Amino acid sequence: QPATHPQPPTQQIQWQVDGEDAPINVINKILSGLSNLKGHLLIDPAKSVELGLDKPTHKVEVTLESGEVKSFSAIKDKEKDYFYLKTPATDIIYQLRKNQIEQIFKKKEELLGTTQ
């Protein structure tokens, strides 16, 4: 008997950025940027408010097929080329280089290649 291989799901996954359909190449860039995030310094969680993470300027939310939401928020250091990042799942604060965050946070029009 020949080996059988599982068939790919027939349901098409629809990706969106801020409620607008997004092509897979855009999603791949975002996912690549997210997977490459690496904190180079851990910051004392007690400094969360002092750093401004109680009012973040950047936020990523990914809603999984199950409805579960994964997220993080970030804010830029006012004096240095760093961002501070925190997830709701933990109190740990990560310091990341600015260019890592800037790869992910672009204007929607720039990401999708549209103009308004």
Protein backbone atom coordinates (compact mmCIF):
# COMPACT_ATOMS: atom_id res chain seq x y z
CA GLN A 1 0.00 0.00 0.00
CA PRO A 2 1.33 3.48 -0.85
CA ALA A 3 1.84 5.86 2.07
CA THR A 4 -0.84 8.45 2.56
CA HIS A 5 -0.03 11.99 3.50
CA PRO A 6 -2.29 14.27 5.47
CA GLN A 7 -4.10 16.77 3.32
CA PRO A 8 -3.72 20.49 4.06
CA PRO A 9 -6.77 22.07 5.64
CA THR A 10 -9.34 23.27 3.14
CA GLN A 11 -10.20 26.34 5.19
CA GLN A 12 -8.32 29.42 4.03
CA ILE A 13 -6.69 31.39 6.84
CA GLN A 14 -7.37 35.10 6.55
CA TRP A 15 -4.75 37.47 7.93
CA GLN A 16 -5.60 41.04 8.82
CA VAL A 17 -3.72 44.12 9.97
CA ASP A 18 -5.94 46.58 11.84
CA GLY A 19 -9.03 45.00 10.33
CA GLU A 20 -7.80 45.08 6.72
CA ASP A 21 -6.93 41.97 4.73
CA ALA A 22 -3.18 41.54 4.46
CA PRO A 23 -1.20 39.51 1.91
CA ILE A 24 0.95 36.66 3.19
CA ASN A 25 4.23 38.45 2.34
CA VAL A 26 3.27 41.28 4.73
CA ILE A 27 2.36 38.78 7.44
CA ASN A 28 5.65 36.93 6.91
CA LYS A 29 7.59 40.18 7.47
CA ILE A 30 5.68 40.90 10.68
CA LEU A 31 6.06 37.33 11.98
CA SER A 32 9.75 37.34 11.12
CA GLY A 33 10.21 40.59 13.03
CA LEU A 34 8.30 39.20 16.02
CA SER A 35 10.27 35.95 16.06
CA ASN A 36 13.55 37.89 15.94
CA LEU A 37 12.81 40.05 18.98
CA LYS A 38 15.52 39.57 21.57
CA GLY A 39 15.79 41.52 24.75
CA HIS A 40 19.36 42.31 25.63
CA LEU A 41 18.69 43.47 29.18
CA LEU A 42 16.11 42.65 31.84
CA ILE A 43 14.73 45.62 33.75
CA ASP A 44 13.39 45.62 37.31
CA PRO A 45 9.56 45.20 37.09
CA ALA A 46 9.19 47.87 39.79
CA LYS A 47 10.24 50.44 37.16
CA SER A 48 7.23 49.73 34.93
CA VAL A 49 5.40 53.01 35.69
CA GLU A 50 8.61 55.04 35.79
CA LEU A 51 9.44 53.81 32.27
CA GLY A 52 5.93 54.61 31.04
CA LEU A 53 4.71 51.06 30.43
CA ASP A 54 1.44 51.93 32.17
CA LYS A 55 0.73 54.05 29.05
CA PRO A 56 2.51 52.24 26.21
CA THR A 57 2.89 53.82 22.79
CA HIS A 58 3.11 50.52 20.90
CA LYS A 59 1.07 47.33 21.20
CA VAL A 60 0.86 44.04 19.34
CA GLU A 61 -2.14 41.73 19.67
CA VAL A 62 -2.41 38.41 17.90
CA THR A 63 -5.72 36.57 18.11
CA LEU A 64 -5.31 32.86 17.63
CA GLU A 65 -7.89 30.68 15.93
CA SER A 66 -9.00 29.50 19.39
CA GLY A 67 -9.82 33.10 20.31
CA GLU A 68 -6.88 33.34 22.73
CA VAL A 69 -5.07 36.68 22.52
CA LYS A 70 -1.29 36.99 22.81
CA SER A 71 0.07 40.49 23.21
CA PHE A 72 2.85 42.78 24.31
CA SER A 73 3.20 46.50 24.80
CA ALA A 74 6.23 48.73 24.42
CA ILE A 75 7.44 52.26 24.89
CA LYS A 76 10.54 54.06 23.61
CA ASP A 77 13.14 55.34 26.04
CA LYS A 78 13.03 59.12 25.81
CA GLU A 79 16.79 59.56 26.00
CA LYS A 80 18.25 56.42 24.42
CA ASP A 81 17.70 54.30 21.33
CA TYR A 82 15.92 51.56 23.23
CA PHE A 83 12.40 50.30 23.75
CA TYR A 84 11.02 48.64 26.84
CA LEU A 85 8.68 45.71 26.24
CA LYS A 86 6.31 43.88 28.57
CA THR A 87 3.74 41.10 28.16
CA PRO A 88 0.62 40.81 30.31
CA ALA A 89 1.57 37.21 31.11
CA THR A 90 4.63 38.24 33.15
CA ASP A 91 6.04 41.22 35.02
CA ILE A 92 9.39 40.95 33.25
CA ILE A 93 10.46 44.06 31.34
CA TYR A 94 12.83 43.63 28.43
CA GLN A 95 15.05 46.31 26.95
CA LEU A 96 15.32 45.99 23.17
CA ARG A 97 17.20 47.91 20.53
CA LYS A 98 15.09 50.45 18.67
CA ASN A 99 15.60 48.87 15.24
CA GLN A 100 14.00 45.60 16.36
CA ILE A 101 10.75 47.34 17.27
CA GLU A 102 10.80 49.62 14.23
CA GLN A 103 10.81 46.56 11.94
CA ILE A 104 7.39 45.60 13.32
CA PHE A 105 5.76 48.98 13.96
CA LYS A 106 5.27 50.66 10.65
CA LYS A 107 2.30 52.66 9.47
CA LYS A 108 -0.47 50.42 8.22
CA GLU A 109 -0.27 52.05 4.80
CA GLU A 110 3.45 51.29 4.61
CA LEU A 111 2.89 47.67 5.64
CA LEU A 112 0.04 47.07 3.21
CA GLY A 113 1.45 49.23 0.41
CA THR A 114 -1.61 51.46 0.29
CA THR A 115 -2.12 55.18 0.58
CA GLN A 116 -4.99 57.09 2.11
